[in-house]
Amino acid sequence: MTNPEDFKTRLKIAKSKIKKQINPDNEKRGSFMGNAFKLGTELVAAVGVGTIIGFILDSWFDTKPWLIIIFFFLGAAAGMLNVVRTANRMQKED
């Protein structure tokens, strides 16, 4: 029969191997969710900033609603461009 200490050592090694296999999946999932939130936030922020700038300029020049509409679409375009750039950068890193 084998030594009980030898069995405990082998058991610890097996448990550490199992933990190493489980952790990368959780890290990848967390990293994916973080990147998804980052992309969504960039898009929403760009649209929001564009709309606010359009609203302020409309108030100054009394041209409601034209500048709000124009800057809304400019913000949406800038947000989409940022999302595409960030996605390409993340893809190159992987």
N, C-alpha and C. Protein backbone atom coordinates (compact mmCIF):
# COMPACT_ATOMS: atom_id res chain seq x y z
N MET A 1 0.84 -1.18 0.00
CA MET A 1 0.00 0.00 0.00
C MET A 1 0.89 1.24 0.00
N THR A 2 0.39 2.35 -0.52
CA THR A 2 1.19 3.56 -0.61
C THR A 2 1.10 4.35 0.68
N ASN A 3 2.03 5.23 0.81
CA ASN A 3 2.13 6.09 1.98
C ASN A 3 0.99 7.12 1.96
N PRO A 4 0.30 7.37 3.10
CA PRO A 4 -0.77 8.37 3.12
C PRO A 4 -0.28 9.78 2.78
N GLU A 5 0.94 10.10 3.13
CA GLU A 5 1.49 11.42 2.80
C GLU A 5 1.66 11.57 1.29
N ASP A 6 2.05 10.51 0.62
CA ASP A 6 2.19 10.52 -0.84
C ASP A 6 0.82 10.75 -1.49
N PHE A 7 -0.20 10.11 -0.93
CA PHE A 7 -1.55 10.29 -1.46
C PHE A 7 -2.01 11.74 -1.28
N LYS A 8 -1.74 12.35 -0.12
CA LYS A 8 -2.13 13.74 0.14
C LYS A 8 -1.41 14.69 -0.83
N THR A 9 -0.16 14.41 -1.10
CA THR A 9 0.60 15.24 -2.03
C THR A 9 0.01 15.16 -3.43
N ARG A 10 -0.29 13.94 -3.88
CA ARG A 10 -0.88 13.78 -5.21
C ARG A 10 -2.26 14.45 -5.28
N LEU A 11 -3.02 14.39 -4.19
CA LEU A 11 -4.34 15.02 -4.16
C LEU A 11 -4.22 16.54 -4.27
N LYS A 12 -3.27 17.13 -3.58
CA LYS A 12 -3.05 18.58 -3.67
C LYS A 12 -2.66 18.99 -5.08
N ILE A 13 -1.81 18.21 -5.71
CA ILE A 13 -1.38 18.51 -7.08
C ILE A 13 -2.57 18.44 -8.03
N ALA A 14 -3.41 17.43 -7.87
CA ALA A 14 -4.58 17.29 -8.74
C ALA A 14 -5.55 18.46 -8.54
N LYS A 15 -5.77 18.87 -7.29
CA LYS A 15 -6.66 20.00 -7.01
C LYS A 15 -6.12 21.29 -7.61
N SER A 16 -4.82 21.50 -7.54
CA SER A 16 -4.25 22.73 -8.10
C SER A 16 -4.38 22.75 -9.62
N LYS A 17 -4.25 21.58 -10.27
CA LYS A 17 -4.42 21.52 -11.72
C LYS A 17 -5.86 21.84 -12.10
N ILE A 18 -6.81 21.35 -11.33
CA ILE A 18 -8.23 21.62 -11.60
C ILE A 18 -8.51 23.11 -11.44
N LYS A 19 -7.97 23.74 -10.42
CA LYS A 19 -8.18 25.18 -10.20
C LYS A 19 -7.58 25.99 -11.34
N LYS A 20 -6.45 25.57 -11.84
CA LYS A 20 -5.82 26.29 -12.96
C LYS A 20 -6.67 26.19 -14.22
N GLN A 21 -7.36 25.09 -14.41
CA GLN A 21 -8.22 24.94 -15.57
C GLN A 21 -9.49 25.75 -15.45
N ILE A 22 -10.01 25.94 -14.26
CA ILE A 22 -11.26 26.67 -14.05
C ILE A 22 -11.04 28.18 -14.12
N ASN A 23 -9.99 28.70 -13.57
CA ASN A 23 -9.76 30.14 -13.48
C ASN A 23 -9.67 30.86 -14.82
N PRO A 24 -8.98 30.35 -15.84
CA PRO A 24 -8.91 31.08 -17.11
C PRO A 24 -10.29 31.31 -17.74
N ASP A 25 -11.22 30.36 -17.60
CA ASP A 25 -12.55 30.55 -18.16
C ASP A 25 -13.26 31.72 -17.50
N ASN A 26 -13.15 31.81 -16.18
CA ASN A 26 -13.79 32.92 -15.46
C ASN A 26 -13.15 34.25 -15.84
N GLU A 27 -11.84 34.27 -16.00
CA GLU A 27 -11.15 35.50 -16.37
C GLU A 27 -11.55 35.93 -17.78
N LYS A 28 -11.66 34.98 -18.71
CA LYS A 28 -12.06 35.31 -20.07
C LYS A 28 -13.48 35.86 -20.09
N ARG A 29 -14.38 35.26 -19.31
CA ARG A 29 -15.76 35.71 -19.28
C ARG A 29 -15.84 37.12 -18.70
N GLY A 30 -15.09 37.38 -17.64
CA GLY A 30 -15.08 38.71 -17.04
C GLY A 30 -14.48 39.74 -17.99
N SER A 31 -13.44 39.35 -18.69
CA SER A 31 -12.81 40.25 -19.64
C SER A 31 -13.76 40.56 -20.80
N PHE A 32 -14.49 39.56 -21.26
CA PHE A 32 -15.45 39.76 -22.34
C PHE A 32 -16.55 40.72 -21.91
N MET A 33 -17.08 40.53 -20.72
CA MET A 33 -18.15 41.42 -20.23
C MET A 33 -17.63 42.84 -20.06
N GLY A 34 -16.41 42.98 -19.57
CA GLY A 34 -15.84 44.32 -19.43
C GLY A 34 -15.69 45.03 -20.76
N ASN A 35 -15.23 44.29 -21.76
CA ASN A 35 -15.08 44.88 -23.09
C ASN A 35 -16.44 45.23 -23.70
N ALA A 36 -17.44 44.41 -23.47
CA ALA A 36 -18.77 44.69 -24.00
C ALA A 36 -19.33 45.96 -23.36
N PHE A 37 -19.18 46.10 -22.05
CA PHE A 37 -19.65 47.32 -21.38
C PHE A 37 -18.87 48.54 -21.86
N LYS A 38 -17.58 48.37 -22.11
CA LYS A 38 -16.77 49.48 -22.59
C LYS A 38 -17.25 49.96 -23.95
N LEU A 39 -17.52 49.02 -24.85
CA LEU A 39 -17.99 49.40 -26.19
C LEU A 39 -19.36 50.07 -26.12
N GLY A 40 -20.25 49.54 -25.31
CA GLY A 40 -21.57 50.14 -25.17
C GLY A 40 -21.51 51.53 -24.56
N THR A 41 -20.66 51.70 -23.58
CA THR A 41 -20.52 53.00 -22.94
C THR A 41 -19.94 54.03 -23.90
N GLU A 42 -18.98 53.63 -24.71
CA GLU A 42 -18.40 54.56 -25.68
C GLU A 42 -19.45 55.04 -26.68
N LEU A 43 -20.29 54.14 -27.13
CA LEU A 43 -21.32 54.51 -28.10
C LEU A 43 -22.35 55.45 -27.48
N VAL A 44 -22.84 55.11 -26.30
CA VAL A 44 -23.86 55.93 -25.65
C VAL A 44 -23.30 57.29 -25.27
N ALA A 45 -22.07 57.33 -24.79
CA ALA A 45 -21.46 58.60 -24.39
C ALA A 45 -21.29 59.53 -25.59
N ALA A 46 -20.87 59.00 -26.71
CA ALA A 46 -20.67 59.83 -27.90
C ALA A 46 -22.00 60.41 -28.38
N VAL A 47 -23.04 59.60 -28.38
CA VAL A 47 -24.36 60.10 -28.80
C VAL A 47 -24.86 61.15 -27.81
N GLY A 48 -24.68 60.90 -26.52
CA GLY A 48 -25.12 61.85 -25.50
C GLY A 48 -24.38 63.18 -25.59
N VAL A 49 -23.08 63.12 -25.76
CA VAL A 49 -22.29 64.35 -25.87
C VAL A 49 -22.67 65.13 -27.12
N GLY A 50 -22.85 64.44 -28.24
CA GLY A 50 -23.25 65.12 -29.46
C GLY A 50 -24.60 65.80 -29.31
N THR A 51 -25.54 65.12 -28.68
CA THR A 51 -26.87 65.69 -28.49
C THR A 51 -26.82 66.90 -27.56
N ILE A 52 -26.05 66.82 -26.50
CA ILE A 52 -25.94 67.95 -25.57
C ILE A 52 -25.29 69.15 -26.25
N ILE A 53 -24.26 68.92 -27.03
CA ILE A 53 -23.63 70.02 -27.77
C ILE A 53 -24.63 70.65 -28.72
N GLY A 54 -25.40 69.83 -29.42
CA GLY A 54 -26.42 70.35 -30.32
C GLY A 54 -27.48 71.16 -29.58
N PHE A 55 -27.88 70.70 -28.41
CA PHE A 55 -28.87 71.42 -27.61
C PHE A 55 -28.34 72.78 -27.17
N ILE A 56 -27.10 72.81 -26.72
CA ILE A 56 -26.50 74.08 -26.28
C ILE A 56 -26.37 75.05 -27.44
N LEU A 57 -25.90 74.56 -28.57
CA LEU A 57 -25.76 75.44 -29.74
C LEU A 57 -27.12 75.92 -30.24
N ASP A 58 -28.12 75.07 -30.16
CA ASP A 58 -29.47 75.48 -30.54
C ASP A 58 -29.99 76.59 -29.63
N SER A 59 -29.67 76.50 -28.36
CA SER A 59 -30.10 77.54 -27.43
C SER A 59 -29.41 78.87 -27.74
N TRP A 60 -28.14 78.82 -28.10
CA TRP A 60 -27.40 80.05 -28.40
C TRP A 60 -27.88 80.69 -29.70
N PHE A 61 -28.05 79.88 -30.74
CA PHE A 61 -28.36 80.42 -32.06
C PHE A 61 -29.86 80.41 -32.38
N ASP A 62 -30.67 79.90 -31.48
CA ASP A 62 -32.13 79.84 -31.65
C ASP A 62 -32.51 79.16 -32.96
N THR A 63 -31.96 77.98 -33.18
CA THR A 63 -32.22 77.23 -34.41
C THR A 63 -32.86 75.87 -34.13
N LYS A 64 -33.61 75.79 -33.03
CA LYS A 64 -34.17 74.49 -32.64
C LYS A 64 -35.01 73.92 -33.75
N PRO A 65 -34.99 72.69 -34.01
CA PRO A 65 -34.26 71.52 -33.53
C PRO A 65 -33.12 71.11 -34.44
N TRP A 66 -32.71 71.97 -35.35
CA TRP A 66 -31.77 71.55 -36.40
C TRP A 66 -30.41 71.13 -35.89
N LEU A 67 -29.80 71.90 -35.00
CA LEU A 67 -28.46 71.53 -34.53
C LEU A 67 -28.50 70.31 -33.61
N ILE A 68 -29.60 70.13 -32.88
CA ILE A 68 -29.72 68.91 -32.07
C ILE A 68 -29.69 67.69 -32.98
N ILE A 69 -30.46 67.74 -34.07
CA ILE A 69 -30.52 66.61 -34.99
C ILE A 69 -29.16 66.37 -35.65
N ILE A 70 -28.54 67.44 -36.10
CA ILE A 70 -27.24 67.30 -36.77
C ILE A 70 -26.19 66.72 -35.83
N PHE A 71 -26.11 67.25 -34.60
CA PHE A 71 -25.09 66.77 -33.68
C PHE A 71 -25.42 65.40 -33.10
N PHE A 72 -26.71 65.06 -33.07
CA PHE A 72 -27.08 63.69 -32.69
C PHE A 72 -26.47 62.69 -33.67
N PHE A 73 -26.64 62.97 -34.96
CA PHE A 73 -26.10 62.05 -35.97
C PHE A 73 -24.57 62.09 -36.01
N LEU A 74 -23.98 63.25 -35.79
CA LEU A 74 -22.52 63.32 -35.71
C LEU A 74 -22.00 62.51 -34.51
N GLY A 75 -22.69 62.62 -33.38
CA GLY A 75 -22.30 61.85 -32.19
C GLY A 75 -22.46 60.36 -32.43
N ALA A 76 -23.55 59.97 -33.10
CA ALA A 76 -23.75 58.55 -33.40
C ALA A 76 -22.65 58.02 -34.33
N ALA A 77 -22.29 58.82 -35.33
CA ALA A 77 -21.22 58.40 -36.24
C ALA A 77 -19.89 58.30 -35.50
N ALA A 78 -19.60 59.29 -34.64
CA ALA A 78 -18.35 59.25 -33.87
C ALA A 78 -18.34 58.06 -32.93
N GLY A 79 -19.47 57.75 -32.31
CA GLY A 79 -19.55 56.60 -31.42
C GLY A 79 -19.32 55.30 -32.14
N MET A 80 -19.92 55.16 -33.31
CA MET A 80 -19.71 53.93 -34.09
C MET A 80 -18.26 53.80 -34.54
N LEU A 81 -17.66 54.91 -34.93
CA LEU A 81 -16.25 54.89 -35.32
C LEU A 81 -15.38 54.47 -34.14
N ASN A 82 -15.67 55.00 -32.95
CA ASN A 82 -14.91 54.61 -31.76
C ASN A 82 -15.08 53.13 -31.45
N VAL A 83 -16.29 52.62 -31.59
CA VAL A 83 -16.53 51.21 -31.31
C VAL A 83 -15.76 50.33 -32.30
N VAL A 84 -15.76 50.70 -33.57
CA VAL A 84 -15.04 49.91 -34.57
C VAL A 84 -13.54 49.94 -34.30
N ARG A 85 -13.01 51.12 -33.99
CA ARG A 85 -11.57 51.23 -33.69
C ARG A 85 -11.19 50.40 -32.47
N THR A 86 -12.00 50.50 -31.42
CA THR A 86 -11.70 49.75 -30.20
C THR A 86 -11.82 48.25 -30.44
N ALA A 87 -12.82 47.83 -31.19
CA ALA A 87 -12.98 46.40 -31.48
C ALA A 87 -11.80 45.88 -32.30
N ASN A 88 -11.34 46.66 -33.26
CA ASN A 88 -10.16 46.25 -34.04
C ASN A 88 -8.92 46.15 -33.17
N ARG A 89 -8.76 47.10 -32.26
CA ARG A 89 -7.61 47.09 -31.35
C ARG A 89 -7.67 45.87 -30.43
N MET A 90 -8.87 45.55 -29.92
CA MET A 90 -9.00 44.38 -29.04
C MET A 90 -8.75 43.09 -29.82
N GLN A 91 -9.16 43.06 -31.06
CA GLN A 91 -8.96 41.87 -31.88
C GLN A 91 -7.47 41.65 -32.16
N LYS A 92 -6.73 42.73 -32.39
CA LYS A 92 -5.28 42.60 -32.62
C LYS A 92 -4.56 42.13 -31.37
N GLU A 93 -5.03 42.55 -30.19
CA GLU A 93 -4.40 42.13 -28.94
C GLU A 93 -4.57 40.64 -28.70
N ASP A 94 -5.72 40.10 -29.11
CA ASP A 94 -5.98 38.66 -28.92
C ASP A 94 -5.24 37.87 -29.97
